[in-house]
Amino acid sequence: MTNDTEKPEFWESNFIEKKEMWGFEPAPSAVLTRDFFVEKAIKNVLIPGFGYGRNAQIFREAGMTVTGIEISQTAIEMARKHYGTDMTIYHGSVTDMPFDNNIYDGIFCYSLIHLLDGSEREKLISDCYHQLSEDGYMVFIAISKEAHTYGKGKFISKDRYEIFDGVKMFFYDRESIHAEFNKAGLYEIIEVRENFPFFLIKCRKTTTTIG
């Protein structure tokens, strides 16, 4: 089955129609991650699923260099309009990572991984991990099974549902987080509540986790 969220035209039409659909304030979990990255003296951040940059700006304001990956050209143009042209933003799907050979000491992936199927999630985690420096940190924000949409819509596979036309979503619990992230240096899971209940998933790359 094809997931519409894997198609560039899905996000392109969304950004064309809805513009800055999430506003300009960063998500609370982005603020938490910014503070964490500041504490860990992170300097170079990769943001897969960049959108129009609302979550990226606070990392830049904290002195970090930010690189993005975004599937929608319209969203990239919006980001450049609002936040300047001095950022590298790769146009493409995260499923086609890597886009460069750079190593980053911080990676922040907001509300994206749960839109992918099992093999795509595994590849994204692996791709991010391989571009993470030793002693680097990556943070994923993923929707929880506590969300009111869990179990609604069309059943696709275990914990994965098509909740509205074309959008298939995987809902995480702690068991599935451990199953998918343990090998990527998982060391902390925090529950956060925004428009949906999310998990903030922290991983660290150390000499013991490098495969």
Protein backbone atom coordinates (compact mmCIF):
# COMPACT_ATOMS: atom_id res chain seq x y z
CA MET A 1 0.00 0.00 0.00
CA THR A 2 1.19 3.50 -0.78
CA ASN A 3 1.24 6.11 1.92
CA ASP A 4 0.31 9.54 0.56
CA THR A 5 2.70 11.16 3.03
CA GLU A 6 5.55 9.52 1.09
CA LYS A 7 4.53 11.47 -2.01
CA PRO A 8 5.98 14.94 -2.60
CA GLU A 9 2.68 16.14 -4.03
CA PHE A 10 0.86 15.39 -0.75
CA TRP A 11 2.99 17.82 1.25
CA GLU A 12 3.35 20.23 -1.66
CA SER A 13 -0.44 20.64 -1.92
CA ASN A 14 -0.72 20.93 1.87
CA PHE A 15 1.83 23.74 2.10
CA ILE A 16 0.38 25.52 -0.95
CA GLU A 17 -3.13 25.37 0.50
CA LYS A 18 -2.46 25.80 4.22
CA LYS A 19 0.72 27.93 4.13
CA GLU A 20 2.21 28.30 7.63
CA MET A 21 -0.28 25.78 8.97
CA TRP A 22 1.44 25.35 12.35
CA GLY A 23 2.19 29.01 12.97
CA PHE A 24 5.65 30.34 13.85
CA GLU A 25 6.02 29.33 17.49
CA PRO A 26 8.29 26.29 17.91
CA ALA A 27 6.72 23.13 19.27
CA PRO A 28 7.25 22.62 23.03
CA SER A 29 9.29 19.49 22.33
CA ALA A 30 11.55 21.52 20.02
CA VAL A 31 12.17 23.94 22.90
CA LEU A 32 12.99 21.03 25.21
CA THR A 33 15.38 19.64 22.61
CA ARG A 34 17.02 23.03 22.04
CA ASP A 35 17.67 23.31 25.77
CA PHE A 36 19.07 19.77 25.83
CA PHE A 37 21.33 20.47 22.84
CA VAL A 38 22.58 23.68 24.48
CA GLU A 39 23.37 21.71 27.64
CA LYS A 40 25.32 19.19 25.57
CA ALA A 41 27.12 21.93 23.58
CA ILE A 42 25.74 20.71 20.25
CA LYS A 43 26.97 22.80 17.30
CA ASN A 44 25.70 21.15 14.08
CA VAL A 45 22.11 19.98 13.80
CA LEU A 46 20.38 17.96 11.08
CA ILE A 47 16.60 18.27 10.88
CA PRO A 48 14.92 15.64 8.67
CA GLY A 49 11.39 16.83 7.90
CA PHE A 50 12.33 20.50 8.07
CA GLY A 51 8.95 21.93 7.02
CA TYR A 52 9.06 25.73 6.76
CA GLY A 53 11.55 26.04 9.58
CA ARG A 54 9.49 26.98 12.63
CA ASN A 55 11.27 24.39 14.79
CA ALA A 56 14.69 25.11 13.30
CA GLN A 57 14.99 28.78 14.13
CA ILE A 58 15.45 28.33 17.88
CA PHE A 59 18.45 26.07 17.28
CA ARG A 60 19.97 28.73 15.02
CA GLU A 61 19.27 31.45 17.58
CA ALA A 62 21.18 29.33 20.10
CA GLY A 63 24.24 29.44 17.85
CA MET A 64 23.87 26.08 16.13
CA THR A 65 24.35 25.46 12.42
CA VAL A 66 21.22 23.83 11.01
CA THR A 67 20.84 21.63 7.92
CA GLY A 68 17.41 20.49 6.78
CA ILE A 69 15.77 17.84 4.61
CA GLU A 70 12.33 18.69 3.25
CA ILE A 71 10.12 16.97 0.68
CA SER A 72 8.13 20.10 -0.28
CA GLN A 73 9.79 22.76 -2.42
CA THR A 74 7.08 25.20 -1.35
CA ALA A 75 7.96 24.66 2.31
CA ILE A 76 11.65 25.26 1.52
CA GLU A 77 10.76 28.54 -0.21
CA MET A 78 8.67 29.56 2.81
CA ALA A 79 11.60 28.78 5.13
CA ARG A 80 13.95 30.92 3.06
CA LYS A 81 11.40 33.75 3.02
CA HIS A 82 10.94 33.76 6.79
CA TYR A 83 14.36 32.72 8.07
CA GLY A 84 16.87 33.64 5.38
CA THR A 85 18.83 31.88 2.68
CA ASP A 86 21.93 30.99 4.68
CA MET A 87 20.83 27.43 5.46
CA THR A 88 21.43 24.21 3.60
CA ILE A 89 18.06 22.56 2.97
CA TYR A 90 18.04 19.45 0.82
CA HIS A 91 14.92 18.95 -1.30
CA GLY A 92 13.84 15.32 -1.08
CA SER A 93 12.33 12.57 1.04
CA VAL A 94 14.00 11.35 4.20
CA THR A 95 13.60 7.86 2.76
CA ASP A 96 16.36 8.86 0.30
CA MET A 97 18.90 9.77 2.99
CA PRO A 98 21.79 10.44 3.12
CA PHE A 99 21.93 13.70 1.16
CA ASP A 100 25.50 14.51 2.21
CA ASN A 101 28.48 12.87 3.87
CA ASN A 102 28.50 15.25 6.84
CA ILE A 103 28.55 14.12 10.44
CA TYR A 104 26.27 15.95 12.89
CA ASP A 105 26.50 16.11 16.66
CA GLY A 106 22.74 16.67 16.95
CA ILE A 107 19.74 15.39 14.97
CA PHE A 108 16.16 16.48 15.63
CA CYS A 109 13.27 14.71 13.88
CA TYR A 110 9.86 16.10 14.77
CA SER A 111 6.56 14.25 14.21
CA LEU A 112 7.78 12.42 11.13
CA ILE A 113 8.88 8.88 11.92
CA HIS A 114 5.35 7.67 12.73
CA LEU A 115 4.26 8.52 9.17
CA LEU A 116 6.57 5.83 7.77
CA ASP A 117 6.15 2.07 7.49
CA GLY A 118 8.29 -0.37 9.42
CA SER A 119 11.17 -0.71 6.96
CA GLU A 120 11.24 3.06 6.36
CA ARG A 121 11.35 3.75 10.10
CA GLU A 122 14.22 1.32 10.49
CA LYS A 123 16.09 2.97 7.61
CA LEU A 124 15.51 6.48 8.96
CA ILE A 125 16.83 5.57 12.41
CA SER A 126 19.84 3.83 10.84
CA ASP A 127 20.54 6.67 8.41
CA CYS A 128 20.38 9.28 11.16
CA TYR A 129 22.55 7.17 13.44
CA HIS A 130 25.21 6.78 10.77
CA GLN A 131 25.39 10.55 10.32
CA LEU A 132 25.70 11.12 14.05
CA SER A 133 29.10 11.88 15.55
CA GLU A 134 30.49 9.82 18.38
CA ASP A 135 29.03 11.26 21.60
CA GLY A 136 26.34 12.93 19.46
CA TYR A 137 22.65 12.95 20.32
CA MET A 138 19.52 12.43 18.26
CA VAL A 139 15.98 13.17 19.32
CA PHE A 140 12.82 11.83 17.69
CA ILE A 141 9.30 13.07 18.47
CA ALA A 142 6.76 10.29 17.87
CA ILE A 143 3.04 9.98 18.46
CA SER A 144 1.82 7.85 21.36
CA LYS A 145 -0.87 5.20 21.54
CA GLU A 146 -2.49 7.52 24.09
CA ALA A 147 -3.63 9.72 21.19
CA HIS A 148 -7.38 9.82 20.66
CA THR A 149 -6.84 8.79 17.03
CA TYR A 150 -5.22 5.47 17.99
CA GLY A 151 -7.32 2.56 16.74
CA LYS A 152 -9.47 4.85 14.59
CA GLY A 153 -9.76 4.68 10.84
CA LYS A 154 -8.62 1.79 8.67
CA PHE A 155 -6.42 -0.89 10.22
CA ILE A 156 -3.18 -1.36 8.25
CA SER A 157 -1.00 -3.45 10.56
CA LYS A 158 -0.21 -3.70 14.26
CA ASP A 159 -0.51 -0.20 15.78
CA ARG A 160 -0.69 1.37 12.30
CA TYR A 161 -3.88 2.96 10.95
CA GLU A 162 -4.99 5.11 8.06
CA ILE A 163 -6.60 7.84 10.15
CA PHE A 164 -7.74 9.95 7.20
CA ASP A 165 -7.40 9.71 3.45
CA GLY A 166 -3.93 8.57 2.52
CA VAL A 167 -2.24 9.25 5.88
CA LYS A 168 -1.08 6.12 7.63
CA MET A 169 0.25 6.53 11.14
CA PHE A 170 2.15 4.21 13.46
CA PHE A 171 1.41 4.73 17.17
CA TYR A 172 4.24 4.08 19.60
CA ASP A 173 4.37 2.69 23.12
CA ARG A 174 7.46 2.08 25.24
CA GLU A 175 7.78 -1.47 23.99
CA SER A 176 7.91 -0.46 20.32
CA ILE A 177 10.29 2.40 21.13
CA HIS A 178 12.71 -0.04 22.74
CA ALA A 179 12.30 -2.47 19.84
CA GLU A 180 13.17 0.19 17.24
CA PHE A 181 15.64 2.43 19.06
CA ASN A 182 17.62 0.22 21.46
CA LYS A 183 20.27 -0.52 18.85
CA ALA A 184 20.61 3.22 18.17
CA GLY A 185 21.72 4.14 21.65
CA LEU A 186 18.32 4.74 23.26
CA TYR A 187 18.74 6.11 26.76
CA GLU A 188 15.73 8.24 27.68
CA ILE A 189 12.02 8.38 26.87
CA ILE A 190 9.99 11.43 27.94
CA GLU A 191 6.23 11.84 27.53
CA VAL A 192 5.19 15.26 26.23
CA ARG A 193 1.74 16.58 25.39
CA GLU A 194 1.17 19.02 22.56
CA ASN A 195 -1.71 18.81 20.09
CA PHE A 196 -1.22 15.06 20.53
CA PRO A 197 0.52 13.04 23.23
CA PHE A 198 4.06 12.40 22.01
CA PHE A 199 7.16 10.58 23.11
CA LEU A 200 10.45 12.49 23.10
CA ILE A 201 12.99 9.78 22.34
CA LYS A 202 16.66 10.46 23.08
CA CYS A 203 19.54 8.43 21.68
CA ARG A 204 23.28 8.83 22.16
CA LYS A 205 26.05 7.41 19.99
CA THR A 206 28.90 6.03 22.07
CA THR A 207 31.76 3.63 21.44
CA THR A 208 29.60 0.84 22.87
CA THR A 209 26.66 1.53 20.52
CA ILE A 210 28.63 2.05 17.32
CA GLY A 211 28.05 -0.96 15.10
